Protein backbone atom coordinates (compact mmCIF):
# COMPACT_ATOMS: atom_id res chain seq x y z
CA MET A 1 0.00 0.00 0.00
CA ALA A 2 1.46 3.33 -0.99
CA GLY A 3 2.27 5.66 1.87
CA ARG A 4 1.34 9.32 2.16
CA PRO A 5 3.66 11.60 0.15
CA SER A 6 6.26 13.32 2.24
CA LYS A 7 6.11 17.05 2.91
CA LYS A 8 9.12 17.50 0.64
CA GLN A 9 7.32 15.71 -2.21
CA GLU A 10 4.16 17.82 -1.65
CA LYS A 11 6.18 21.01 -1.66
CA GLY A 12 7.95 19.94 -4.84
CA GLY A 13 4.62 19.18 -6.46
CA ARG A 14 3.23 22.58 -5.53
CA GLU A 15 6.33 24.30 -6.92
CA VAL A 16 6.02 22.42 -10.22
CA ALA A 17 2.30 23.29 -10.44
CA SER A 18 3.02 26.94 -9.65
CA THR A 19 5.76 27.08 -12.30
CA THR A 20 3.45 25.46 -14.84
CA ASP A 21 0.65 27.95 -14.08
CA THR A 22 3.05 30.88 -14.46
CA ALA A 23 4.39 29.54 -17.76
CA SER A 24 0.84 29.01 -19.05
CA LEU A 25 -0.15 32.55 -18.08
CA LEU A 26 2.95 33.99 -19.77
CA ASP A 27 2.31 31.93 -22.90
CA TRP A 28 -1.35 33.08 -22.98
CA THR A 29 -0.27 36.70 -22.54
CA ILE A 30 2.23 36.53 -25.41
CA ARG A 31 -0.12 34.68 -27.74
CA TYR A 32 -3.37 36.49 -27.11
CA ALA A 33 -3.24 39.46 -24.70
CA VAL A 34 -0.43 41.41 -26.41
CA PRO A 35 -1.86 41.17 -29.97
CA ALA A 36 -5.35 41.87 -28.64
CA SER A 37 -4.11 44.99 -26.83
CA GLY A 38 -2.48 46.28 -30.01
CA LEU A 39 -5.64 45.63 -32.00
CA ALA A 40 -7.78 47.35 -29.34
CA ALA A 41 -5.49 50.41 -29.38
CA ALA A 42 -5.69 50.61 -33.18
CA VAL A 43 -9.48 50.32 -33.11
CA ILE A 44 -9.79 52.97 -30.39
CA TYR A 45 -7.51 55.37 -32.31
CA GLY A 46 -9.69 54.93 -35.39
CA VAL A 47 -12.81 55.55 -33.32
CA LEU A 48 -11.25 58.68 -31.79
CA ARG A 49 -10.26 60.04 -35.21
CA LEU A 50 -13.76 59.41 -36.52
CA SER A 51 -15.32 61.01 -33.42
CA TYR A 52 -13.25 64.19 -33.79
CA ALA A 53 -14.15 64.38 -37.47
CA LEU A 54 -17.86 63.98 -36.72
CA PHE A 55 -17.76 66.58 -33.93
CA TYR A 56 -16.11 69.26 -36.06
CA GLN A 57 -18.02 68.49 -39.27
CA PRO A 58 -21.10 70.58 -38.32
CA LEU A 59 -18.68 73.34 -37.28
CA ARG A 60 -17.13 73.44 -40.76
CA ALA A 61 -13.69 72.29 -39.61
CA THR A 62 -11.46 69.21 -39.50
CA PRO A 63 -9.53 67.79 -36.53
CA GLU A 64 -6.17 68.65 -38.12
CA GLU A 65 -7.16 72.31 -38.61
CA VAL A 66 -7.84 72.76 -34.90
CA GLY A 67 -4.72 70.95 -33.68
CA TYR A 68 -5.75 67.30 -33.39
CA GLY A 69 -3.37 65.41 -35.63
CA TYR A 70 -2.13 61.83 -35.36
CA SER A 71 0.47 62.51 -32.66
CA GLU A 72 -1.86 64.72 -30.57
CA ILE A 73 -4.54 62.03 -30.49
CA LEU A 74 -2.04 59.32 -29.55
CA ALA A 75 -0.31 61.42 -26.90
CA GLY A 76 -3.29 63.06 -25.26
CA GLN A 77 -6.51 61.22 -25.96
CA LEU A 78 -5.73 57.51 -26.40
CA ILE A 79 -5.19 56.92 -22.67
CA GLY A 80 -8.54 58.52 -21.81
CA ALA A 81 -10.32 56.36 -24.39
CA LEU A 82 -8.66 53.24 -23.00
CA GLU A 83 -9.80 54.26 -19.51
CA LEU A 84 -13.35 54.69 -20.82
CA THR A 85 -13.20 51.25 -22.45
CA LEU A 86 -11.90 49.75 -19.18
CA VAL A 87 -14.78 51.30 -17.23
CA VAL A 88 -17.34 49.96 -19.71
CA TRP A 89 -15.61 46.56 -19.57
CA GLY A 90 -15.87 46.58 -15.76
CA VAL A 91 -19.60 47.24 -15.96
CA CYS A 92 -20.14 44.52 -18.57
CA PHE A 93 -18.00 42.02 -16.67
CA GLY A 94 -19.84 42.80 -13.41
CA ILE A 95 -23.17 42.12 -15.10
CA ALA A 96 -21.84 38.86 -16.59
CA TRP A 97 -20.47 37.75 -13.22
CA LEU A 98 -23.76 38.46 -11.47
CA TRP A 99 -25.63 36.57 -14.19
CA ARG A 100 -23.36 33.53 -13.78
CA ALA A 101 -23.73 33.67 -9.99
CA ALA A 102 -27.51 33.76 -10.34
CA ARG A 103 -27.45 30.78 -12.72
CA ARG A 104 -25.37 28.78 -10.26
CA ARG A 105 -27.73 29.57 -7.40
CA LEU A 106 -30.96 28.97 -9.32
CA GLY A 107 -29.76 26.14 -11.53
CA PRO A 108 -29.52 25.93 -15.33
CA PRO A 109 -32.40 27.24 -17.44
CA VAL A 110 -35.04 24.85 -18.73
CA GLY A 111 -33.62 22.83 -21.62
CA LYS A 112 -30.00 23.34 -20.55
CA ALA A 113 -28.42 20.58 -18.52
CA ARG A 114 -25.00 22.17 -18.02
CA PRO A 115 -24.34 24.89 -15.44
CA PRO A 116 -21.56 27.44 -16.08
CA ARG A 117 -18.18 25.71 -16.40
CA ASN A 118 -15.52 25.63 -13.66
CA ASP A 119 -11.75 25.67 -13.89
CA GLU A 120 -9.42 22.86 -12.76
CA LYS A 121 -9.78 23.90 -9.09
CA GLY A 122 -13.57 23.95 -9.16
CA ARG A 123 -13.86 27.73 -9.26
CA PRO A 124 -16.06 29.53 -11.82
CA ALA A 125 -14.15 29.95 -15.12
CA LEU A 126 -14.03 33.71 -15.74
CA TRP A 127 -11.73 34.01 -18.76
CA GLY A 128 -14.61 33.48 -21.18
CA PRO A 129 -16.91 36.13 -19.64
CA ALA A 130 -13.96 38.53 -19.31
CA ALA A 131 -13.04 38.17 -22.99
CA ARG A 132 -16.66 38.52 -24.14
CA SER A 133 -17.12 41.55 -21.89
CA ALA A 134 -14.03 43.14 -23.45
CA LEU A 135 -15.45 42.66 -26.96
CA VAL A 136 -18.80 44.10 -25.89
CA ALA A 137 -17.10 47.10 -24.23
CA LEU A 138 -14.98 47.79 -27.31
CA GLY A 139 -18.05 47.55 -29.51
CA LEU A 140 -20.08 49.91 -27.32
CA VAL A 141 -17.30 52.52 -27.28
CA ALA A 142 -16.76 52.15 -31.04
CA VAL A 143 -20.46 52.76 -31.73
CA LEU A 144 -21.49 55.26 -29.06
CA LEU A 145 -18.48 57.59 -29.03
CA PRO A 146 -18.87 58.78 -32.65
CA VAL A 147 -22.65 59.14 -32.15
CA ILE A 148 -22.15 61.27 -29.02
CA ALA A 149 -19.47 63.35 -30.76
CA ARG A 150 -21.72 64.06 -33.75
CA GLU A 151 -24.59 65.06 -31.47
CA MET A 152 -22.41 67.42 -29.39
CA GLY A 153 -20.98 69.03 -32.52
CA ALA A 154 -24.49 69.59 -33.90
CA ILE A 155 -25.60 71.19 -30.61
CA ALA A 156 -22.62 73.56 -30.67
CA ALA A 157 -23.24 74.50 -34.31
CA THR A 158 -26.99 74.98 -33.93
CA ASN A 159 -27.30 76.57 -30.48
CA GLY A 160 -23.82 77.96 -29.94
CA GLU A 161 -23.37 76.05 -26.67
CA THR A 162 -19.90 75.86 -25.13
CA MET A 163 -18.15 72.51 -25.47
CA ARG A 164 -15.13 71.83 -23.28
CA ASN A 165 -13.73 68.35 -22.78
CA ILE A 166 -16.79 66.11 -22.88
CA HIS A 167 -16.64 63.73 -19.89
CA LEU A 168 -18.33 60.52 -18.86
CA VAL A 169 -21.47 61.41 -16.91
CA GLY A 170 -20.73 61.70 -13.19
CA SER A 171 -16.95 61.35 -13.53
CA ASN A 172 -13.76 63.12 -14.62
CA ILE A 173 -12.96 60.52 -17.28
CA PRO A 174 -12.54 62.40 -20.57
CA VAL A 175 -14.68 61.05 -23.37
CA LEU A 176 -13.58 63.57 -25.99
CA PRO A 177 -11.38 66.63 -25.26
CA VAL A 178 -12.91 68.95 -27.85
CA THR A 179 -13.19 72.75 -27.86
CA ALA A 180 -15.91 75.15 -28.98
CA VAL A 181 -15.75 78.30 -26.85
CA PRO A 182 -17.45 81.71 -27.28
CA ALA A 183 -14.93 84.31 -28.42
CA ARG A 184 -14.47 87.86 -29.64
CA VAL A 185 -11.69 89.01 -31.94
CA THR A 186 -9.64 92.19 -32.04
CA ALA A 187 -8.06 92.79 -35.44
CA LEU A 188 -4.42 93.79 -35.62
CA ASN A 189 -4.46 94.63 -39.33
CA PRO A 190 -7.12 95.52 -41.93
CA GLU A 191 -7.33 92.02 -43.47
CA ALA A 192 -9.03 90.75 -40.29
CA GLY A 193 -11.43 93.68 -39.97
CA ASP A 194 -14.47 91.66 -41.07
CA ILE A 195 -14.20 89.09 -38.30
CA GLU A 196 -13.71 91.72 -35.59
CA GLY A 197 -17.35 92.80 -35.70
CA ARG A 198 -18.82 89.31 -35.32
CA ALA A 199 -20.52 88.60 -31.99
CA CYS A 200 -21.55 84.95 -32.52
CA LEU A 201 -18.14 83.30 -32.81
CA LEU A 202 -17.04 79.98 -31.37
CA TYR A 203 -13.28 79.44 -31.16
CA LEU A 204 -12.41 75.88 -32.21
CA GLY A 205 -8.62 75.76 -32.06
CA ALA A 206 -5.47 76.52 -34.03
CA ALA A 207 -2.80 74.79 -36.08
CA ALA A 208 0.04 75.94 -38.32
CA GLY A 209 -0.40 79.57 -37.26
CA VAL A 210 -4.10 79.76 -38.17
CA PHE A 211 -7.04 80.32 -35.79
CA VAL A 212 -10.28 78.50 -36.64
CA PHE A 213 -13.73 79.91 -35.74
CA PHE A 214 -17.36 79.09 -36.41
CA ASP A 215 -20.01 81.78 -36.73
CA VAL A 216 -23.22 80.43 -35.19
CA ARG A 217 -25.37 83.08 -36.85
CA THR A 218 -24.15 82.67 -40.43
CA LYS A 219 -22.99 79.01 -40.10
CA GLU A 220 -19.60 79.91 -41.60
CA GLY A 221 -16.24 78.36 -40.84
CA LEU A 222 -13.59 81.09 -40.57
CA ARG A 223 -9.79 80.90 -40.70
CA VAL A 224 -7.60 83.80 -39.67
CA PRO A 225 -3.78 84.04 -39.35
CA SER A 226 -2.82 84.10 -35.68
CA THR A 227 -0.64 87.16 -36.29
CA ALA A 228 -3.62 89.17 -37.54
CA VAL A 229 -5.89 89.01 -34.47
CA VAL A 230 -6.08 88.85 -30.70
CA VAL A 231 -8.61 86.31 -29.41
CA HIS A 232 -10.66 86.88 -26.25
CA LEU A 233 -12.35 83.75 -24.85
CA PHE A 234 -15.42 83.90 -22.61
CA ASN A 235 -16.25 81.61 -19.70
CA SER A 236 -19.95 81.33 -20.51
CA GLU A 237 -22.44 78.62 -21.41
CA GLY A 238 -22.52 79.73 -25.03
CA VAL A 239 -22.96 82.62 -27.41
CA ASP A 240 -25.95 84.98 -27.20
CA THR A 241 -29.22 83.10 -27.63
CA THR A 242 -30.23 85.35 -30.53
CA CYS A 243 -27.33 83.97 -32.58
CA ALA A 244 -29.13 80.64 -33.02
CA ASP A 245 -32.04 82.57 -34.58
CA GLY A 246 -29.78 84.17 -37.16
CA VAL A 247 -29.93 87.59 -35.46
CA GLU A 248 -26.83 89.63 -34.77
CA PRO A 249 -26.72 90.49 -31.03
CA VAL A 250 -26.84 94.16 -30.10
CA PRO A 251 -23.43 95.19 -28.66
CA THR A 252 -23.54 96.15 -24.98
CA GLY A 253 -21.37 98.49 -23.01
């Protein structure tokens, strides 16, 4: 009759199992996690680029004209988008985990004999739900972010509302760091005299020495050399309400 394994043999067995688990995790990371992360980053960059384009389209501008080129999006906005995707993944994974826990407690649905699968140690297998939750989160961000961006750009163009760094509701997580701010212009030379008298301007940004504006009243996109004007930005909720009606506001003061 075989005797009980010695403590030394048990310890050696645990060490071998631990080494095997670590090697398996490393192999899984190299094979799947690293390529998947690169693919997710590429998809999110494409979604960000599309979202910027859709936001500025109603404002008669492009992302590059207001300072959001390839490097600016990668350096400043990609991390925020990844954080947003991670938050959405956490919500999706939490829902999936609660659903699996409920199925285990209540039993499999009618017509299904198998409960949710376990791992080798009898614990609920979570890799599948985690991976599916990641795909769902990426899909939700890919679909909803451009839709939200287009809607916010249309609101700014139609009503002249201020847009500063759109955030996830109830948090400081940046969804899209865009800019559409009420502004007035002081001309420094005669070539910019026409824009100086406009009272319904939104400042959108600048690139290559050119300021970009949108006139809410006339629905025009305007470009002015930065050396020709001085820009004054206002900390308000938007331009004068009469601008949306196509009426030039009466100057005050």
